[in-house]
N, C-alpha and C. Protein backbone atom coordinates (compact mmCIF):
# COMPACT_ATOMS: atom_id res chain seq x y z
N MET A 1 -46.01 -1.46 10.12
CA MET A 1 -45.51 -2.29 9.04
C MET A 1 -46.01 -1.81 7.69
N LYS A 2 -47.26 -1.25 7.67
CA LYS A 2 -47.80 -0.77 6.42
C LYS A 2 -46.95 0.38 5.88
N ASN A 3 -46.51 1.29 6.77
CA ASN A 3 -45.66 2.40 6.34
C ASN A 3 -44.34 1.90 5.78
N LEU A 4 -43.77 0.85 6.39
CA LEU A 4 -42.52 0.29 5.89
C LEU A 4 -42.73 -0.32 4.51
N ARG A 5 -43.88 -0.98 4.31
CA ARG A 5 -44.19 -1.56 3.00
C ARG A 5 -44.33 -0.47 1.94
N ILE A 6 -45.03 0.61 2.27
CA ILE A 6 -45.19 1.71 1.34
C ILE A 6 -43.83 2.35 1.07
N SER A 7 -43.02 2.50 2.11
CA SER A 7 -41.69 3.07 1.94
C SER A 7 -40.84 2.20 1.03
N ARG A 8 -40.97 0.89 1.16
CA ARG A 8 -40.22 -0.02 0.30
C ARG A 8 -40.59 0.19 -1.15
N ILE A 9 -41.89 0.32 -1.39
CA ILE A 9 -42.36 0.51 -2.75
C ILE A 9 -41.85 1.83 -3.31
N VAL A 10 -41.94 2.90 -2.52
CA VAL A 10 -41.47 4.21 -2.96
C VAL A 10 -39.98 4.17 -3.25
N PHE A 11 -39.22 3.54 -2.36
CA PHE A 11 -37.77 3.51 -2.55
C PHE A 11 -37.39 2.62 -3.72
N ALA A 12 -38.07 1.49 -3.89
CA ALA A 12 -37.80 0.62 -5.04
C ALA A 12 -38.09 1.38 -6.33
N LEU A 13 -39.16 2.18 -6.33
CA LEU A 13 -39.46 3.00 -7.48
C LEU A 13 -38.34 4.00 -7.73
N ALA A 14 -37.79 4.58 -6.66
CA ALA A 14 -36.68 5.53 -6.80
C ALA A 14 -35.48 4.86 -7.45
N VAL A 15 -35.20 3.63 -7.04
CA VAL A 15 -34.07 2.90 -7.61
C VAL A 15 -34.30 2.65 -9.09
N VAL A 16 -35.50 2.21 -9.45
CA VAL A 16 -35.81 1.94 -10.85
C VAL A 16 -35.70 3.21 -11.67
N VAL A 17 -36.27 4.31 -11.16
CA VAL A 17 -36.18 5.58 -11.88
C VAL A 17 -34.73 6.02 -12.01
N GLY A 18 -33.93 5.83 -10.96
CA GLY A 18 -32.52 6.19 -11.02
C GLY A 18 -31.77 5.42 -12.08
N ILE A 19 -32.02 4.14 -12.15
CA ILE A 19 -31.35 3.32 -13.16
C ILE A 19 -31.84 3.71 -14.56
N LEU A 20 -33.15 3.92 -14.70
CA LEU A 20 -33.67 4.36 -15.99
C LEU A 20 -33.05 5.68 -16.41
N PHE A 21 -32.96 6.61 -15.48
CA PHE A 21 -32.37 7.92 -15.77
C PHE A 21 -30.91 7.78 -16.19
N SER A 22 -30.17 6.96 -15.46
CA SER A 22 -28.76 6.76 -15.77
C SER A 22 -28.57 6.13 -17.14
N VAL A 23 -29.41 5.14 -17.44
CA VAL A 23 -29.32 4.47 -18.74
C VAL A 23 -29.70 5.43 -19.85
N ALA A 24 -30.75 6.22 -19.63
CA ALA A 24 -31.21 7.14 -20.66
C ALA A 24 -30.16 8.21 -20.97
N CYS A 25 -29.41 8.61 -19.96
CA CYS A 25 -28.42 9.67 -20.15
C CYS A 25 -27.04 9.15 -20.52
N SER A 26 -26.89 7.86 -20.65
CA SER A 26 -25.55 7.31 -20.85
C SER A 26 -24.92 7.72 -22.17
N GLY A 27 -25.68 8.17 -23.13
CA GLY A 27 -25.10 8.60 -24.39
C GLY A 27 -24.76 10.08 -24.43
N VAL A 28 -25.10 10.79 -23.38
CA VAL A 28 -24.90 12.23 -23.35
C VAL A 28 -23.86 12.55 -22.28
N PRO A 29 -22.72 13.13 -22.65
CA PRO A 29 -21.67 13.39 -21.68
C PRO A 29 -22.10 14.22 -20.49
N THR A 30 -23.08 15.12 -20.64
CA THR A 30 -23.51 15.94 -19.52
C THR A 30 -24.68 15.30 -18.79
N GLY A 31 -25.05 14.08 -19.13
CA GLY A 31 -26.20 13.42 -18.55
C GLY A 31 -25.88 12.74 -17.24
N GLY A 32 -26.47 11.56 -17.05
CA GLY A 32 -26.43 10.89 -15.77
C GLY A 32 -25.16 10.13 -15.47
N ARG A 33 -24.14 10.19 -16.28
CA ARG A 33 -22.94 9.43 -15.96
C ARG A 33 -21.71 10.33 -15.96
N VAL A 34 -20.68 9.85 -15.39
CA VAL A 34 -19.42 10.57 -15.35
C VAL A 34 -18.49 9.94 -16.37
N ILE A 35 -17.87 10.74 -17.20
CA ILE A 35 -16.98 10.23 -18.23
C ILE A 35 -15.61 9.99 -17.61
N GLY A 36 -14.98 8.90 -18.01
CA GLY A 36 -13.63 8.61 -17.54
C GLY A 36 -13.63 7.54 -16.46
N GLY A 37 -12.49 6.90 -16.35
CA GLY A 37 -12.37 5.85 -15.34
C GLY A 37 -12.94 4.54 -15.83
N GLU A 38 -12.72 3.53 -15.04
CA GLU A 38 -13.21 2.19 -15.35
C GLU A 38 -14.22 1.78 -14.28
N PRO A 39 -15.17 0.92 -14.65
CA PRO A 39 -16.09 0.42 -13.64
C PRO A 39 -15.31 -0.28 -12.51
N ILE A 40 -15.87 -0.26 -11.33
CA ILE A 40 -15.23 -0.89 -10.18
C ILE A 40 -16.02 -2.11 -9.74
N ALA A 41 -15.39 -2.94 -8.93
CA ALA A 41 -16.07 -4.08 -8.31
C ALA A 41 -16.65 -3.62 -6.98
N ILE A 42 -17.70 -4.27 -6.54
CA ILE A 42 -18.36 -3.89 -5.29
C ILE A 42 -17.40 -3.94 -4.10
N GLY A 43 -16.44 -4.84 -4.15
CA GLY A 43 -15.47 -4.97 -3.06
C GLY A 43 -14.51 -3.80 -2.94
N GLU A 44 -14.45 -2.96 -3.98
CA GLU A 44 -13.58 -1.78 -3.94
C GLU A 44 -14.20 -0.61 -3.19
N LEU A 45 -15.48 -0.70 -2.89
CA LEU A 45 -16.14 0.37 -2.14
C LEU A 45 -15.75 0.28 -0.67
N PRO A 46 -15.55 1.42 -0.03
CA PRO A 46 -15.15 1.40 1.39
C PRO A 46 -16.28 0.89 2.28
N THR A 47 -15.90 0.36 3.42
CA THR A 47 -16.86 -0.12 4.41
C THR A 47 -17.06 0.95 5.46
N PHE A 48 -18.31 1.23 5.78
CA PHE A 48 -18.64 2.23 6.79
C PHE A 48 -18.03 1.80 8.13
N PRO A 49 -17.40 2.73 8.86
CA PRO A 49 -16.78 2.40 10.14
C PRO A 49 -17.79 1.80 11.14
N GLY A 50 -17.41 0.71 11.75
CA GLY A 50 -18.27 0.04 12.72
C GLY A 50 -19.26 -0.93 12.12
N ALA A 51 -19.29 -1.01 10.78
CA ALA A 51 -20.22 -1.92 10.11
C ALA A 51 -19.66 -3.34 10.10
N THR A 52 -20.55 -4.30 10.22
CA THR A 52 -20.20 -5.71 10.15
C THR A 52 -20.86 -6.31 8.92
N GLU A 53 -20.05 -6.84 8.00
CA GLU A 53 -20.63 -7.40 6.77
C GLU A 53 -21.43 -8.66 7.09
N LEU A 54 -22.57 -8.77 6.43
CA LEU A 54 -23.47 -9.90 6.63
C LEU A 54 -23.26 -10.93 5.52
N SER A 55 -23.47 -12.17 5.83
CA SER A 55 -23.40 -13.22 4.81
C SER A 55 -24.63 -13.12 3.92
N ALA A 56 -24.65 -13.90 2.87
CA ALA A 56 -25.68 -13.79 1.83
C ALA A 56 -27.11 -13.79 2.37
N ASN A 57 -27.44 -14.66 3.29
CA ASN A 57 -28.83 -14.76 3.77
C ASN A 57 -29.00 -14.29 5.21
N GLU A 58 -28.02 -13.60 5.73
CA GLU A 58 -28.05 -13.18 7.13
C GLU A 58 -28.90 -11.93 7.37
N SER A 59 -29.09 -11.13 6.35
CA SER A 59 -29.85 -9.89 6.48
C SER A 59 -31.31 -10.18 6.81
N LYS A 60 -31.84 -9.42 7.75
CA LYS A 60 -33.25 -9.57 8.10
C LYS A 60 -34.11 -8.48 7.44
N THR A 61 -33.56 -7.30 7.27
CA THR A 61 -34.36 -6.21 6.70
C THR A 61 -34.01 -5.91 5.25
N ILE A 62 -32.74 -5.88 4.90
CA ILE A 62 -32.33 -5.55 3.53
C ILE A 62 -32.89 -6.56 2.54
N ASN A 63 -32.78 -7.85 2.84
CA ASN A 63 -33.27 -8.87 1.92
C ASN A 63 -34.76 -8.75 1.69
N ALA A 64 -35.50 -8.38 2.74
CA ALA A 64 -36.95 -8.22 2.59
C ALA A 64 -37.28 -7.06 1.66
N VAL A 65 -36.50 -5.99 1.74
CA VAL A 65 -36.78 -4.79 0.95
C VAL A 65 -36.25 -4.92 -0.49
N PHE A 66 -35.00 -5.36 -0.64
CA PHE A 66 -34.33 -5.32 -1.94
C PHE A 66 -34.10 -6.68 -2.58
N GLY A 67 -34.40 -7.76 -1.89
CA GLY A 67 -34.14 -9.10 -2.41
C GLY A 67 -34.75 -9.38 -3.78
N PRO A 68 -36.06 -9.11 -3.96
CA PRO A 68 -36.67 -9.41 -5.27
C PRO A 68 -36.00 -8.65 -6.42
N ALA A 69 -35.68 -7.39 -6.26
CA ALA A 69 -35.03 -6.63 -7.33
C ALA A 69 -33.63 -7.15 -7.60
N GLN A 70 -32.94 -7.57 -6.55
CA GLN A 70 -31.58 -8.08 -6.70
C GLN A 70 -31.58 -9.41 -7.45
N ARG A 71 -32.65 -10.21 -7.30
CA ARG A 71 -32.71 -11.52 -7.94
C ARG A 71 -33.26 -11.45 -9.37
N GLU A 72 -33.78 -10.31 -9.79
CA GLU A 72 -34.32 -10.18 -11.14
C GLU A 72 -33.23 -10.48 -12.15
N THR A 73 -33.58 -11.29 -13.13
CA THR A 73 -32.57 -11.69 -14.11
C THR A 73 -32.48 -10.67 -15.24
N PRO A 74 -31.28 -10.51 -15.82
CA PRO A 74 -31.13 -9.59 -16.97
C PRO A 74 -31.94 -10.12 -18.14
N PRO A 75 -32.39 -9.30 -19.09
CA PRO A 75 -32.22 -7.85 -19.08
C PRO A 75 -33.08 -7.22 -18.00
N PHE A 76 -32.54 -6.23 -17.33
CA PHE A 76 -33.16 -5.59 -16.18
C PHE A 76 -34.41 -4.82 -16.60
N ILE A 77 -35.45 -5.00 -15.83
CA ILE A 77 -36.76 -4.36 -16.01
C ILE A 77 -37.21 -4.25 -17.46
N GLY A 78 -36.93 -5.28 -18.23
CA GLY A 78 -37.46 -5.37 -19.58
C GLY A 78 -36.94 -4.34 -20.57
N LEU A 79 -35.84 -3.70 -20.28
CA LEU A 79 -35.33 -2.67 -21.18
C LEU A 79 -34.42 -3.25 -22.26
N GLY A 80 -34.07 -4.52 -22.15
CA GLY A 80 -33.16 -5.09 -23.11
C GLY A 80 -31.72 -4.68 -22.85
N ILE A 81 -31.45 -4.14 -21.69
CA ILE A 81 -30.11 -3.71 -21.31
C ILE A 81 -29.59 -4.67 -20.26
N GLU A 82 -28.46 -5.27 -20.53
CA GLU A 82 -27.86 -6.20 -19.57
C GLU A 82 -27.29 -5.42 -18.40
N VAL A 83 -27.72 -5.77 -17.21
CA VAL A 83 -27.25 -5.11 -16.00
C VAL A 83 -26.71 -6.18 -15.07
N ILE A 84 -25.48 -5.99 -14.62
CA ILE A 84 -24.89 -6.89 -13.64
C ILE A 84 -25.04 -6.23 -12.28
N LYS A 85 -25.70 -6.93 -11.37
CA LYS A 85 -25.99 -6.37 -10.05
C LYS A 85 -25.19 -7.11 -8.99
N THR A 86 -24.55 -6.36 -8.12
CA THR A 86 -23.86 -6.94 -6.97
C THR A 86 -24.27 -6.15 -5.75
N GLN A 87 -24.18 -6.80 -4.59
CA GLN A 87 -24.66 -6.16 -3.38
C GLN A 87 -23.85 -6.63 -2.18
N ARG A 88 -23.60 -5.70 -1.27
CA ARG A 88 -22.99 -6.02 0.03
C ARG A 88 -23.91 -5.46 1.10
N ASN A 89 -24.17 -6.28 2.13
CA ASN A 89 -25.04 -5.86 3.23
C ASN A 89 -24.25 -5.84 4.52
N PHE A 90 -24.60 -4.89 5.37
CA PHE A 90 -23.89 -4.71 6.64
C PHE A 90 -24.88 -4.44 7.76
N ARG A 91 -24.52 -4.85 8.95
CA ARG A 91 -25.21 -4.41 10.15
C ARG A 91 -24.42 -3.23 10.66
N VAL A 92 -25.10 -2.15 11.02
CA VAL A 92 -24.42 -0.96 11.52
C VAL A 92 -24.89 -0.68 12.95
N PRO A 93 -24.09 0.04 13.72
CA PRO A 93 -24.49 0.37 15.09
C PRO A 93 -25.85 1.09 15.12
N LYS A 94 -26.63 0.84 16.16
CA LYS A 94 -27.97 1.40 16.27
C LYS A 94 -27.99 2.92 16.25
N GLU A 95 -26.92 3.55 16.70
CA GLU A 95 -26.89 5.02 16.74
C GLU A 95 -26.55 5.64 15.38
N THR A 96 -26.25 4.82 14.39
CA THR A 96 -25.89 5.32 13.05
C THR A 96 -27.08 6.00 12.40
N THR A 97 -26.84 7.17 11.84
CA THR A 97 -27.89 7.87 11.09
C THR A 97 -27.55 7.82 9.61
N PHE A 98 -28.55 8.08 8.78
CA PHE A 98 -28.27 8.12 7.35
C PHE A 98 -27.35 9.29 7.02
N ALA A 99 -27.47 10.38 7.77
CA ALA A 99 -26.56 11.52 7.55
C ALA A 99 -25.11 11.10 7.77
N ASP A 100 -24.86 10.26 8.79
CA ASP A 100 -23.50 9.75 9.03
C ASP A 100 -23.00 8.96 7.82
N ILE A 101 -23.86 8.08 7.33
CA ILE A 101 -23.49 7.23 6.20
C ILE A 101 -23.26 8.07 4.94
N LYS A 102 -24.17 9.00 4.68
CA LYS A 102 -24.05 9.81 3.48
C LYS A 102 -22.79 10.67 3.52
N THR A 103 -22.47 11.23 4.68
CA THR A 103 -21.25 12.04 4.82
C THR A 103 -20.01 11.20 4.56
N PHE A 104 -19.95 10.00 5.16
CA PHE A 104 -18.80 9.11 4.97
C PHE A 104 -18.62 8.77 3.50
N TYR A 105 -19.68 8.34 2.84
CA TYR A 105 -19.57 7.91 1.45
C TYR A 105 -19.40 9.08 0.48
N ALA A 106 -19.98 10.23 0.77
CA ALA A 106 -19.86 11.37 -0.14
C ALA A 106 -18.39 11.73 -0.36
N ASP A 107 -17.63 11.82 0.73
CA ASP A 107 -16.21 12.16 0.61
C ASP A 107 -15.46 11.14 -0.24
N LYS A 108 -15.67 9.88 0.05
CA LYS A 108 -14.94 8.81 -0.64
C LYS A 108 -15.36 8.70 -2.11
N LEU A 109 -16.66 8.79 -2.35
CA LEU A 109 -17.16 8.62 -3.71
C LEU A 109 -16.78 9.80 -4.60
N GLN A 110 -16.91 11.00 -4.10
CA GLN A 110 -16.54 12.17 -4.90
C GLN A 110 -15.07 12.13 -5.28
N ALA A 111 -14.23 11.72 -4.36
CA ALA A 111 -12.79 11.63 -4.64
C ALA A 111 -12.49 10.60 -5.73
N ALA A 112 -13.38 9.61 -5.89
CA ALA A 112 -13.19 8.56 -6.89
C ALA A 112 -13.95 8.84 -8.19
N GLY A 113 -14.52 10.04 -8.32
CA GLY A 113 -15.19 10.39 -9.57
C GLY A 113 -16.68 10.12 -9.61
N TRP A 114 -17.27 9.69 -8.52
CA TRP A 114 -18.71 9.46 -8.47
C TRP A 114 -19.40 10.80 -8.23
N ARG A 115 -20.68 10.85 -8.63
CA ARG A 115 -21.47 12.03 -8.30
C ARG A 115 -22.91 11.62 -8.05
N GLU A 116 -23.53 12.40 -7.20
CA GLU A 116 -24.95 12.19 -6.93
C GLU A 116 -25.70 13.02 -7.96
N ASP A 117 -26.45 12.36 -8.82
CA ASP A 117 -27.16 13.06 -9.87
C ASP A 117 -28.18 14.02 -9.25
N PRO A 118 -28.20 15.29 -9.69
CA PRO A 118 -29.09 16.28 -9.08
C PRO A 118 -30.57 15.88 -9.13
N ALA A 119 -31.05 15.35 -10.24
CA ALA A 119 -32.46 14.96 -10.33
C ALA A 119 -32.77 13.81 -9.39
N MET A 120 -31.86 12.85 -9.31
CA MET A 120 -32.09 11.71 -8.41
C MET A 120 -31.97 12.14 -6.94
N ARG A 121 -31.12 13.13 -6.66
CA ARG A 121 -31.00 13.62 -5.29
C ARG A 121 -32.33 14.21 -4.81
N VAL A 122 -32.99 14.97 -5.68
CA VAL A 122 -34.30 15.54 -5.32
C VAL A 122 -35.29 14.41 -5.07
N PHE A 123 -35.30 13.42 -5.96
CA PHE A 123 -36.23 12.31 -5.84
C PHE A 123 -35.98 11.50 -4.55
N THR A 124 -34.71 11.15 -4.29
CA THR A 124 -34.42 10.35 -3.09
C THR A 124 -34.61 11.16 -1.82
N ASN A 125 -34.31 12.46 -1.86
CA ASN A 125 -34.56 13.29 -0.68
C ASN A 125 -36.05 13.32 -0.34
N ASN A 126 -36.90 13.42 -1.35
CA ASN A 126 -38.34 13.37 -1.12
C ASN A 126 -38.77 12.01 -0.57
N ALA A 127 -38.23 10.94 -1.13
CA ALA A 127 -38.55 9.60 -0.63
C ALA A 127 -38.05 9.44 0.80
N ASN A 128 -36.85 9.96 1.11
CA ASN A 128 -36.30 9.86 2.46
C ASN A 128 -37.16 10.60 3.48
N GLN A 129 -37.75 11.71 3.07
CA GLN A 129 -38.61 12.46 3.99
C GLN A 129 -39.87 11.71 4.33
N SER A 130 -40.33 10.83 3.44
CA SER A 130 -41.57 10.10 3.69
C SER A 130 -41.37 8.88 4.58
N SER A 131 -40.13 8.47 4.80
CA SER A 131 -39.88 7.30 5.65
C SER A 131 -38.56 7.45 6.38
N GLN A 132 -38.63 7.39 7.69
CA GLN A 132 -37.41 7.42 8.49
C GLN A 132 -36.79 6.02 8.59
N ASN A 133 -37.54 4.99 8.21
CA ASN A 133 -37.05 3.61 8.32
C ASN A 133 -36.33 3.13 7.06
N LEU A 134 -36.40 3.89 5.99
CA LEU A 134 -35.74 3.52 4.74
C LEU A 134 -35.20 4.79 4.12
N GLN A 135 -33.88 4.94 4.14
CA GLN A 135 -33.22 6.14 3.64
C GLN A 135 -32.19 5.72 2.58
N GLY A 136 -32.03 6.52 1.54
CA GLY A 136 -31.07 6.13 0.52
C GLY A 136 -30.59 7.27 -0.34
N ALA A 137 -29.59 6.95 -1.14
CA ALA A 137 -29.01 7.88 -2.11
C ALA A 137 -28.52 7.08 -3.31
N ILE A 138 -28.52 7.72 -4.46
CA ILE A 138 -28.08 7.07 -5.69
C ILE A 138 -26.93 7.88 -6.28
N TRP A 139 -25.82 7.19 -6.57
CA TRP A 139 -24.61 7.81 -7.13
C TRP A 139 -24.33 7.18 -8.48
N VAL A 140 -23.72 7.93 -9.39
CA VAL A 140 -23.39 7.42 -10.72
C VAL A 140 -21.94 7.70 -11.05
N ARG A 141 -21.36 6.79 -11.83
CA ARG A 141 -19.98 6.94 -12.31
C ARG A 141 -19.79 5.98 -13.48
N VAL A 142 -19.16 6.44 -14.53
CA VAL A 142 -18.91 5.65 -15.73
C VAL A 142 -20.23 4.98 -16.13
N ASP A 143 -20.28 3.68 -16.21
CA ASP A 143 -21.51 2.96 -16.55
C ASP A 143 -22.03 2.21 -15.34
N GLN A 144 -21.98 2.84 -14.19
CA GLN A 144 -22.42 2.20 -12.96
C GLN A 144 -23.34 3.12 -12.16
N THR A 145 -24.26 2.48 -11.46
CA THR A 145 -25.16 3.18 -10.55
C THR A 145 -25.03 2.50 -9.20
N LEU A 146 -24.85 3.30 -8.16
CA LEU A 146 -24.69 2.79 -6.81
C LEU A 146 -25.84 3.27 -5.94
N LEU A 147 -26.53 2.33 -5.34
CA LEU A 147 -27.57 2.64 -4.36
C LEU A 147 -26.98 2.39 -2.98
N ILE A 148 -27.05 3.39 -2.13
CA ILE A 148 -26.67 3.26 -0.72
C ILE A 148 -27.96 3.42 0.07
N ALA A 149 -28.32 2.42 0.86
CA ALA A 149 -29.58 2.50 1.60
C ALA A 149 -29.40 2.00 3.03
N LEU A 150 -30.05 2.69 3.95
CA LEU A 150 -30.08 2.30 5.35
C LEU A 150 -31.51 1.94 5.69
N VAL A 151 -31.70 0.71 6.19
CA VAL A 151 -33.02 0.25 6.58
C VAL A 151 -33.03 0.02 8.08
N SER A 152 -34.01 0.60 8.75
CA SER A 152 -34.15 0.44 10.20
C SER A 152 -35.36 -0.41 10.49
N ASP A 153 -35.21 -1.35 11.41
CA ASP A 153 -36.33 -2.17 11.85
C ASP A 153 -36.97 -1.44 13.04
N PRO A 154 -38.19 -0.91 12.87
CA PRO A 154 -38.79 -0.12 13.95
C PRO A 154 -39.06 -0.93 15.22
N ALA A 155 -39.22 -2.24 15.09
CA ALA A 155 -39.50 -3.07 16.26
C ALA A 155 -38.26 -3.27 17.13
N SER A 156 -37.10 -3.45 16.49
CA SER A 156 -35.89 -3.77 17.26
C SER A 156 -34.84 -2.66 17.26
N ASP A 157 -35.03 -1.65 16.42
CA ASP A 157 -34.04 -0.59 16.22
C ASP A 157 -32.76 -1.08 15.56
N ASP A 158 -32.74 -2.33 15.07
CA ASP A 158 -31.59 -2.82 14.31
C ASP A 158 -31.52 -2.06 12.99
N LYS A 159 -30.29 -1.83 12.53
CA LYS A 159 -30.10 -1.10 11.28
C LYS A 159 -29.17 -1.89 10.37
N GLU A 160 -29.54 -1.91 9.10
CA GLU A 160 -28.73 -2.56 8.09
C GLU A 160 -28.49 -1.60 6.94
N LEU A 161 -27.30 -1.70 6.38
CA LEU A 161 -26.86 -0.87 5.27
C LEU A 161 -26.63 -1.76 4.07
N THR A 162 -27.04 -1.30 2.90
CA THR A 162 -26.74 -2.03 1.67
C THR A 162 -26.01 -1.11 0.70
N LEU A 163 -25.06 -1.68 0.01
CA LEU A 163 -24.40 -1.05 -1.13
C LEU A 163 -24.79 -1.93 -2.31
N SER A 164 -25.56 -1.40 -3.23
CA SER A 164 -26.03 -2.18 -4.36
C SER A 164 -25.50 -1.52 -5.63
N LEU A 165 -24.68 -2.25 -6.37
CA LEU A 165 -23.99 -1.71 -7.52
C LEU A 165 -24.53 -2.35 -8.80
N ALA A 166 -25.00 -1.51 -9.72
CA ALA A 166 -25.48 -1.99 -11.02
C ALA A 166 -24.50 -1.49 -12.08
N THR A 167 -23.98 -2.43 -12.86
CA THR A 167 -23.08 -2.09 -13.96
C THR A 167 -23.84 -2.39 -15.24
N HIS A 168 -23.97 -1.36 -16.11
CA HIS A 168 -24.74 -1.53 -17.35
C HIS A 168 -23.90 -1.14 -18.54
């Protein structure tokens, strides 16, 4: 459990750094955002095959890891920047790997103009290597940042997926 707690902290830090990076680069066309298009709603993101969407309080692992950050009121992390956060949680089959999830979403997101920021990819890849129970990736498009994370419960092998969308 201690490793899961440390992993949560590391991954939460990755999310905060990703959002900070995206916000910092938002004025530079070659920075952390993609120019063009309109922001999307969380419901427009595709659902991973075999995933079952969870109701608001049904998640056992995602809410424990990301609940406090999701409930933080704007302005987000004291930056004075209004961020609207939305989230969808899913239960996925036990045999699902993060590589499966990343492959599925990479194709769909790239086709829609999203990109995985190179600096954040290095950061999340390092965080992913430190914990097999918490894996994630951060994508950016227009004025939005998308966190895709897979959390595994080591005791039960249950797996939950979250799509967390921040619009700034």
